[in-house]
């Protein structure tokens, strides 16, 4: 049997909330992050003006980098425990834990997210996955704290490029991959999987995911059923 690698986004896909914003909320920065996120996508000129940077340095989801750097500047190093606490307290999507357990029976499960690496690793631990199964926005660690944003933000094309690392790590071709996400930022990695002959799934009706070739599912239970069918078609 050829194993399947399921690559899942986290926020909005297997969680019922935005845990990146929940993290920023710990430092009173939730509104700031939401505003910058909106401007970076809809009004890049306003974001450039707010931050005092050239327009060509504005990019979608730059709030993740900008606000985290502000937190470090204002508060100093951030304890790793804070990331773990946010992940532990996050509300999960219905059947999320069962979905992860089920997909593990068909192969490996990888978490691919724009959230911070220590946070993604804490989610992996919560789901009973090894820390090495989490790929997210990188930070520099020193002892029990985070001292620097190193990046890049693991969104959009960065997620698609990370697939090659995952493919090398697992030794499984992309044609045996399943990608699942909820937003346009997941479209590049799901499109790459679909183009290679793998399966793409969307837990929303996002237009970009549809264009990427993802099949819309109404629940993680339905997603698991789709993946099971895919595994049967891919067994040799």
C-alpha atoms as a PDB file:
ATOM      1  CA  UNK A   1       0.000   0.000   0.000  1.00  0.00           C
ATOM      2  CA  UNK A   2       1.349   3.405  -0.961  1.00  0.00           C
ATOM      3  CA  UNK A   3       1.049   5.809   1.994  1.00  0.00           C
ATOM      4  CA  UNK A   4      -0.878   9.051   1.775  1.00  0.00           C
ATOM      5  CA  UNK A   5       0.387  12.358   3.174  1.00  0.00           C
ATOM      6  CA  UNK A   6      -2.379  14.653   4.380  1.00  0.00           C
ATOM      7  CA  UNK A   7      -1.268  18.292   4.546  1.00  0.00           C
ATOM      8  CA  UNK A   8      -3.701  20.381   6.578  1.00  0.00           C
ATOM      9  CA  UNK A   9      -3.958  24.073   7.271  1.00  0.00           C
ATOM     10  CA  UNK A  10      -4.757  24.800  10.934  1.00  0.00           C
ATOM     11  CA  UNK A  11      -6.768  27.986  11.572  1.00  0.00           C
ATOM     12  CA  UNK A  12     -10.232  27.798  10.067  1.00  0.00           C
ATOM     13  CA  UNK A  13      -9.645  24.242   8.886  1.00  0.00           C
ATOM     14  CA  UNK A  14      -9.149  22.166  12.022  1.00  0.00           C
ATOM     15  CA  UNK A  15      -9.794  25.002  14.472  1.00  0.00           C
ATOM     16  CA  UNK A  16     -13.006  26.975  14.918  1.00  0.00           C
ATOM     17  CA  UNK A  17     -11.175  30.234  15.578  1.00  0.00           C
ATOM     18  CA  UNK A  18      -8.218  32.304  14.429  1.00  0.00           C
ATOM     19  CA  UNK A  19      -5.539  31.336  16.924  1.00  0.00           C
ATOM     20  CA  UNK A  20      -3.028  33.779  15.443  1.00  0.00           C
ATOM     21  CA  UNK A  21      -5.335  36.613  16.468  1.00  0.00           C
ATOM     22  CA  UNK A  22      -5.848  34.889  19.818  1.00  0.00           C
ATOM     23  CA  UNK A  23      -2.091  35.008  20.330  1.00  0.00           C
ATOM     24  CA  UNK A  24      -1.953  38.697  19.456  1.00  0.00           C
ATOM     25  CA  UNK A  25      -4.861  39.270  21.816  1.00  0.00           C
ATOM     26  CA  UNK A  26      -2.650  38.110  24.699  1.00  0.00           C
ATOM     27  CA  UNK A  27      -0.656  41.302  24.131  1.00  0.00           C
ATOM     28  CA  UNK A  28      -3.568  43.651  23.376  1.00  0.00           C
ATOM     29  CA  UNK A  29      -2.735  43.564  19.660  1.00  0.00           C
ATOM     30  CA  UNK A  30      -5.716  41.770  18.158  1.00  0.00           C
ATOM     31  CA  UNK A  31      -7.354  44.873  16.665  1.00  0.00           C
ATOM     32  CA  UNK A  32      -4.023  46.129  15.371  1.00  0.00           C
ATOM     33  CA  UNK A  33      -3.382  42.820  13.603  1.00  0.00           C
ATOM     34  CA  UNK A  34      -6.891  42.661  12.121  1.00  0.00           C
ATOM     35  CA  UNK A  35      -6.571  46.181  10.728  1.00  0.00           C
ATOM     36  CA  UNK A  36      -3.155  45.591   9.167  1.00  0.00           C
ATOM     37  CA  UNK A  37      -4.345  42.282   7.717  1.00  0.00           C
ATOM     38  CA  UNK A  38      -7.287  44.014   6.061  1.00  0.00           C
ATOM     39  CA  UNK A  39      -5.203  46.882   4.722  1.00  0.00           C
ATOM     40  CA  UNK A  40      -2.485  44.558   3.390  1.00  0.00           C
ATOM     41  CA  UNK A  41      -5.058  42.752   1.288  1.00  0.00           C
ATOM     42  CA  UNK A  42      -7.526  45.498   0.384  1.00  0.00           C
ATOM     43  CA  UNK A  43      -5.724  48.823   0.834  1.00  0.00           C
ATOM     44  CA  UNK A  44      -1.964  48.265   0.498  1.00  0.00           C
ATOM     45  CA  UNK A  45      -1.385  52.015   0.097  1.00  0.00           C
ATOM     46  CA  UNK A  46      -2.924  52.573   3.540  1.00  0.00           C
ATOM     47  CA  UNK A  47      -0.730  49.864   5.043  1.00  0.00           C
ATOM     48  CA  UNK A  48       2.381  51.438   3.506  1.00  0.00           C
ATOM     49  CA  UNK A  49       1.388  54.838   4.895  1.00  0.00           C
ATOM     50  CA  UNK A  50       0.690  53.439   8.365  1.00  0.00           C
ATOM     51  CA  UNK A  51       4.026  51.635   8.550  1.00  0.00           C
ATOM     52  CA  UNK A  52       6.094  54.236   6.720  1.00  0.00           C
ATOM     53  CA  UNK A  53       7.374  51.761   4.143  1.00  0.00           C
ATOM     54  CA  UNK A  54       7.431  51.634   0.318  1.00  0.00           C
ATOM     55  CA  UNK A  55       4.333  50.159  -1.304  1.00  0.00           C
ATOM     56  CA  UNK A  56       6.369  47.312  -2.766  1.00  0.00           C
ATOM     57  CA  UNK A  57       7.150  46.063   0.747  1.00  0.00           C
ATOM     58  CA  UNK A  58       3.491  45.496   1.579  1.00  0.00           C
ATOM     59  CA  UNK A  59       2.360  41.878   1.285  1.00  0.00           C
ATOM     60  CA  UNK A  60      -0.748  39.918   2.330  1.00  0.00           C
ATOM     61  CA  UNK A  61      -0.722  38.786   5.968  1.00  0.00           C
ATOM     62  CA  UNK A  62       2.234  41.019   6.794  1.00  0.00           C
ATOM     63  CA  UNK A  63       0.481  41.698  10.099  1.00  0.00           C
ATOM     64  CA  UNK A  64       1.974  38.435  11.338  1.00  0.00           C
ATOM     65  CA  UNK A  65       5.494  39.789  10.922  1.00  0.00           C
ATOM     66  CA  UNK A  66       4.830  43.427  11.824  1.00  0.00           C
ATOM     67  CA  UNK A  67       2.782  42.858  14.959  1.00  0.00           C
ATOM     68  CA  UNK A  68       5.062  40.147  16.307  1.00  0.00           C
ATOM     69  CA  UNK A  69       8.061  42.432  15.917  1.00  0.00           C
ATOM     70  CA  UNK A  70       6.127  45.130  17.774  1.00  0.00           C
ATOM     71  CA  UNK A  71       5.427  42.684  20.596  1.00  0.00           C
ATOM     72  CA  UNK A  72       9.128  41.840  20.885  1.00  0.00           C
ATOM     73  CA  UNK A  73      10.065  45.514  20.871  1.00  0.00           C
ATOM     74  CA  UNK A  74       7.511  46.421  23.526  1.00  0.00           C
ATOM     75  CA  UNK A  75       7.741  43.324  25.748  1.00  0.00           C
ATOM     76  CA  UNK A  76      11.056  41.651  25.079  1.00  0.00           C
ATOM     77  CA  UNK A  77      11.431  37.883  24.503  1.00  0.00           C
ATOM     78  CA  UNK A  78       8.196  35.880  24.435  1.00  0.00           C
ATOM     79  CA  UNK A  79       8.004  32.712  26.536  1.00  0.00           C
ATOM     80  CA  UNK A  80       7.365  29.516  24.573  1.00  0.00           C
ATOM     81  CA  UNK A  81       4.677  28.704  27.123  1.00  0.00           C
ATOM     82  CA  UNK A  82       2.517  31.501  25.712  1.00  0.00           C
ATOM     83  CA  UNK A  83       2.375  29.824  22.295  1.00  0.00           C
ATOM     84  CA  UNK A  84       1.539  26.495  23.910  1.00  0.00           C
ATOM     85  CA  UNK A  85      -1.218  28.013  26.046  1.00  0.00           C
ATOM     86  CA  UNK A  86      -2.902  29.570  23.010  1.00  0.00           C
ATOM     87  CA  UNK A  87      -2.827  26.273  21.120  1.00  0.00           C
ATOM     88  CA  UNK A  88      -4.085  24.327  24.121  1.00  0.00           C
ATOM     89  CA  UNK A  89      -7.015  26.691  24.642  1.00  0.00           C
ATOM     90  CA  UNK A  90      -8.096  27.034  21.012  1.00  0.00           C
ATOM     91  CA  UNK A  91     -11.544  25.816  20.050  1.00  0.00           C
ATOM     92  CA  UNK A  92     -11.323  22.986  17.521  1.00  0.00           C
ATOM     93  CA  UNK A  93     -13.550  22.426  14.529  1.00  0.00           C
ATOM     94  CA  UNK A  94     -16.144  19.692  14.929  1.00  0.00           C
ATOM     95  CA  UNK A  95     -14.578  16.211  14.628  1.00  0.00           C
ATOM     96  CA  UNK A  96     -11.070  17.673  14.247  1.00  0.00           C
ATOM     97  CA  UNK A  97      -9.407  15.191  16.580  1.00  0.00           C
ATOM     98  CA  UNK A  98     -11.193  12.252  14.970  1.00  0.00           C
ATOM     99  CA  UNK A  99     -10.196  13.575  11.536  1.00  0.00           C
ATOM    100  CA  UNK A 100      -6.512  13.658  12.466  1.00  0.00           C
ATOM    101  CA  UNK A 101      -6.655  10.177  14.017  1.00  0.00           C
ATOM    102  CA  UNK A 102      -8.399   8.744  10.984  1.00  0.00           C
ATOM    103  CA  UNK A 103      -6.050  10.283   8.425  1.00  0.00           C
ATOM    104  CA  UNK A 104      -3.082   8.960  10.393  1.00  0.00           C
ATOM    105  CA  UNK A 105      -4.247   5.423   9.639  1.00  0.00           C
ATOM    106  CA  UNK A 106      -3.624   6.080   5.932  1.00  0.00           C
ATOM    107  CA  UNK A 107      -0.196   7.651   6.266  1.00  0.00           C
ATOM    108  CA  UNK A 108       1.398  10.804   7.612  1.00  0.00           C
ATOM    109  CA  UNK A 109      -0.341  13.999   8.694  1.00  0.00           C
ATOM    110  CA  UNK A 110       1.422  17.334   8.307  1.00  0.00           C
ATOM    111  CA  UNK A 111       0.266  20.696   9.657  1.00  0.00           C
ATOM    112  CA  UNK A 112       1.052  23.664   7.391  1.00  0.00           C
ATOM    113  CA  UNK A 113       0.176  27.074   8.780  1.00  0.00           C
ATOM    114  CA  UNK A 114       0.905  30.802   8.801  1.00  0.00           C
ATOM    115  CA  UNK A 115       0.929  30.750  12.595  1.00  0.00           C
ATOM    116  CA  UNK A 116       4.202  30.751  14.498  1.00  0.00           C
ATOM    117  CA  UNK A 117       6.283  27.565  14.553  1.00  0.00           C
ATOM    118  CA  UNK A 118       6.117  27.021  18.343  1.00  0.00           C
ATOM    119  CA  UNK A 119       2.337  27.447  18.187  1.00  0.00           C
ATOM    120  CA  UNK A 120       2.007  24.968  15.308  1.00  0.00           C
ATOM    121  CA  UNK A 121       4.187  22.480  17.189  1.00  0.00           C
ATOM    122  CA  UNK A 122       1.910  22.844  20.214  1.00  0.00           C
ATOM    123  CA  UNK A 123      -1.076  22.022  18.013  1.00  0.00           C
ATOM    124  CA  UNK A 124       0.803  18.989  16.689  1.00  0.00           C
ATOM    125  CA  UNK A 125       1.347  17.827  20.271  1.00  0.00           C
ATOM    126  CA  UNK A 126      -2.342  18.377  21.039  1.00  0.00           C
ATOM    127  CA  UNK A 127      -3.253  16.100  18.129  1.00  0.00           C
ATOM    128  CA  UNK A 128      -0.691  13.475  19.070  1.00  0.00           C
ATOM    129  CA  UNK A 129       1.629  14.320  16.185  1.00  0.00           C
ATOM    130  CA  UNK A 130       5.409  14.803  16.395  1.00  0.00           C
ATOM    131  CA  UNK A 131       6.700  18.385  16.443  1.00  0.00           C
ATOM    132  CA  UNK A 132       8.487  17.662  13.158  1.00  0.00           C
ATOM    133  CA  UNK A 133       5.112  17.353  11.445  1.00  0.00           C
ATOM    134  CA  UNK A 134       4.459  21.101  11.863  1.00  0.00           C
ATOM    135  CA  UNK A 135       5.603  23.647   9.272  1.00  0.00           C
ATOM    136  CA  UNK A 136       4.868  27.298  10.018  1.00  0.00           C
ATOM    137  CA  UNK A 137       6.321  30.807  10.326  1.00  0.00           C
ATOM    138  CA  UNK A 138       9.821  30.546  11.764  1.00  0.00           C
ATOM    139  CA  UNK A 139      11.067  32.325  14.875  1.00  0.00           C
ATOM    140  CA  UNK A 140      14.448  32.308  16.616  1.00  0.00           C
ATOM    141  CA  UNK A 141      14.457  30.564  19.992  1.00  0.00           C
ATOM    142  CA  UNK A 142      16.806  31.046  22.878  1.00  0.00           C
ATOM    143  CA  UNK A 143      16.240  28.751  25.815  1.00  0.00           C
ATOM    144  CA  UNK A 144      12.584  28.881  26.812  1.00  0.00           C
ATOM    145  CA  UNK A 145      11.847  32.084  24.876  1.00  0.00           C
ATOM    146  CA  UNK A 146      11.507  33.470  21.367  1.00  0.00           C
ATOM    147  CA  UNK A 147      13.819  36.387  20.667  1.00  0.00           C
ATOM    148  CA  UNK A 148      13.433  37.170  16.961  1.00  0.00           C
ATOM    149  CA  UNK A 149      11.153  36.895  13.952  1.00  0.00           C
ATOM    150  CA  UNK A 150      13.028  35.109  11.168  1.00  0.00           C
ATOM    151  CA  UNK A 151      10.204  34.269   8.760  1.00  0.00           C
ATOM    152  CA  UNK A 152       9.043  34.223   6.125  1.00  0.00           C
ATOM    153  CA  UNK A 153       5.331  34.224   6.902  1.00  0.00           C
ATOM    154  CA  UNK A 154       4.145  30.769   5.844  1.00  0.00           C
ATOM    155  CA  UNK A 155       1.291  31.884   3.607  1.00  0.00           C
ATOM    156  CA  UNK A 156       0.402  31.578  -0.068  1.00  0.00           C
ATOM    157  CA  UNK A 157       3.370  30.723  -2.243  1.00  0.00           C
ATOM    158  CA  UNK A 158       5.559  29.933   0.775  1.00  0.00           C
ATOM    159  CA  UNK A 159       3.169  27.111   1.639  1.00  0.00           C
ATOM    160  CA  UNK A 160       3.443  25.783  -1.911  1.00  0.00           C
ATOM    161  CA  UNK A 161       7.248  25.902  -1.766  1.00  0.00           C
ATOM    162  CA  UNK A 162       7.238  24.089   1.589  1.00  0.00           C
ATOM    163  CA  UNK A 163       5.633  21.078  -0.090  1.00  0.00           C
ATOM    164  CA  UNK A 164       9.006  20.165  -1.568  1.00  0.00           C
ATOM    165  CA  UNK A 165      10.515  19.977   1.924  1.00  0.00           C
ATOM    166  CA  UNK A 166       7.606  17.818   3.056  1.00  0.00           C
ATOM    167  CA  UNK A 167       7.947  15.579  -0.002  1.00  0.00           C
ATOM    168  CA  UNK A 168      11.662  15.065   0.689  1.00  0.00           C
ATOM    169  CA  UNK A 169      11.015  14.394   4.375  1.00  0.00           C
ATOM    170  CA  UNK A 170       8.287  11.812   3.758  1.00  0.00           C
ATOM    171  CA  UNK A 171       9.664  10.270   0.569  1.00  0.00           C
ATOM    172  CA  UNK A 172       6.126  10.273  -0.845  1.00  0.00           C
ATOM    173  CA  UNK A 173       5.381  11.810  -4.276  1.00  0.00           C
ATOM    174  CA  UNK A 174       2.946  14.726  -4.475  1.00  0.00           C
ATOM    175  CA  UNK A 175       0.536  12.501  -6.397  1.00  0.00           C
ATOM    176  CA  UNK A 176      -0.061  10.740  -3.048  1.00  0.00           C
ATOM    177  CA  UNK A 177      -0.693  13.981  -1.170  1.00  0.00           C
ATOM    178  CA  UNK A 178      -3.979  15.396   0.098  1.00  0.00           C
ATOM    179  CA  UNK A 179      -4.202  19.130   0.785  1.00  0.00           C
ATOM    180  CA  UNK A 180      -6.975  20.677   2.859  1.00  0.00           C
ATOM    181  CA  UNK A 181      -7.578  24.326   3.671  1.00  0.00           C
ATOM    182  CA  UNK A 182     -10.169  27.052   4.101  1.00  0.00           C
ATOM    183  CA  UNK A 183      -8.933  30.246   2.432  1.00  0.00           C
ATOM    184  CA  UNK A 184      -7.256  31.768  -0.612  1.00  0.00           C
ATOM    185  CA  UNK A 185      -3.873  31.620   1.129  1.00  0.00           C
ATOM    186  CA  UNK A 186      -4.120  27.815   0.923  1.00  0.00           C
ATOM    187  CA  UNK A 187      -4.839  27.821  -2.811  1.00  0.00           C
ATOM    188  CA  UNK A 188      -1.187  27.742  -4.020  1.00  0.00           C
ATOM    189  CA  UNK A 189      -0.226  24.594  -2.094  1.00  0.00           C
ATOM    190  CA  UNK A 190      -3.497  22.838  -2.868  1.00  0.00           C
ATOM    191  CA  UNK A 191      -3.180  23.737  -6.564  1.00  0.00           C
ATOM    192  CA  UNK A 192       0.298  22.241  -6.662  1.00  0.00           C
ATOM    193  CA  UNK A 193      -0.962  19.004  -5.108  1.00  0.00           C
ATOM    194  CA  UNK A 194      -3.912  18.775  -7.497  1.00  0.00           C
ATOM    195  CA  UNK A 195      -1.699  19.443 -10.526  1.00  0.00           C
ATOM    196  CA  UNK A 196       0.555  16.563  -9.419  1.00  0.00           C
ATOM    197  CA  UNK A 197      -2.415  14.192  -9.300  1.00  0.00           C
ATOM    198  CA  UNK A 198      -3.177  14.490  -5.595  1.00  0.00           C
ATOM    199  CA  UNK A 199      -6.413  15.477  -3.878  1.00  0.00           C
ATOM    200  CA  UNK A 200      -7.402  18.993  -2.833  1.00  0.00           C
ATOM    201  CA  UNK A 201     -10.187  19.700  -0.337  1.00  0.00           C
ATOM    202  CA  UNK A 202     -11.765  22.941   0.863  1.00  0.00           C
ATOM    203  CA  UNK A 203     -13.777  23.302   4.060  1.00  0.00           C
ATOM    204  CA  UNK A 204     -15.240  26.525   2.654  1.00  0.00           C
ATOM    205  CA  UNK A 205     -16.637  27.849  -0.617  1.00  0.00           C
ATOM    206  CA  UNK A 206     -13.640  30.112  -1.244  1.00  0.00           C
ATOM    207  CA  UNK A 207     -13.436  30.961  -4.949  1.00  0.00           C
ATOM    208  CA  UNK A 208      -9.639  30.705  -5.104  1.00  0.00           C
ATOM    209  CA  UNK A 209      -9.684  27.217  -3.632  1.00  0.00           C
ATOM    210  CA  UNK A 210     -12.276  26.195  -6.193  1.00  0.00           C
ATOM    211  CA  UNK A 211     -10.068  27.545  -9.001  1.00  0.00           C
ATOM    212  CA  UNK A 212      -7.157  25.612  -7.508  1.00  0.00           C
ATOM    213  CA  UNK A 213      -9.118  22.393  -8.042  1.00  0.00           C
ATOM    214  CA  UNK A 214     -10.169  21.764  -4.451  1.00  0.00           C
ATOM    215  CA  UNK A 215     -13.378  19.849  -3.809  1.00  0.00           C
ATOM    216  CA  UNK A 216     -15.666  21.608  -1.325  1.00  0.00           C
ATOM    217  CA  UNK A 217     -16.669  19.585   1.741  1.00  0.00           C
ATOM    218  CA  UNK A 218     -19.186  20.539   4.390  1.00  0.00           C
ATOM    219  CA  UNK A 219     -17.363  18.943   7.307  1.00  0.00           C
ATOM    220  CA  UNK A 220     -14.190  17.191   8.352  1.00  0.00           C
ATOM    221  CA  UNK A 221     -16.174  13.963   8.464  1.00  0.00           C
ATOM    222  CA  UNK A 222     -16.956  14.393   4.773  1.00  0.00           C
ATOM    223  CA  UNK A 223     -13.301  15.264   4.150  1.00  0.00           C
ATOM    224  CA  UNK A 224     -12.233  12.009   5.793  1.00  0.00           C
ATOM    225  CA  UNK A 225     -14.611  10.114   3.523  1.00  0.00           C
ATOM    226  CA  UNK A 226     -13.124  11.788   0.449  1.00  0.00           C
ATOM    227  CA  UNK A 227      -9.617  10.932   1.588  1.00  0.00           C
ATOM    228  CA  UNK A 228     -10.584   7.312   2.218  1.00  0.00           C
ATOM    229  CA  UNK A 229     -11.885   7.047  -1.341  1.00  0.00           C
ATOM    230  CA  UNK A 230      -8.685   8.631  -2.602  1.00  0.00           C
ATOM    231  CA  UNK A 231      -6.531   6.137  -0.698  1.00  0.00           C
ATOM    232  CA  UNK A 232      -8.430   3.235  -2.214  1.00  0.00           C
ATOM    233  CA  UNK A 233      -7.813   4.598  -5.686  1.00  0.00           C
ATOM    234  CA  UNK A 234      -4.120   5.074  -4.960  1.00  0.00           C
ATOM    235  CA  UNK A 235      -3.317   1.696  -3.415  1.00  0.00           C
ATOM    236  CA  UNK A 236      -0.995  -0.518  -5.398  1.00  0.00           C
END
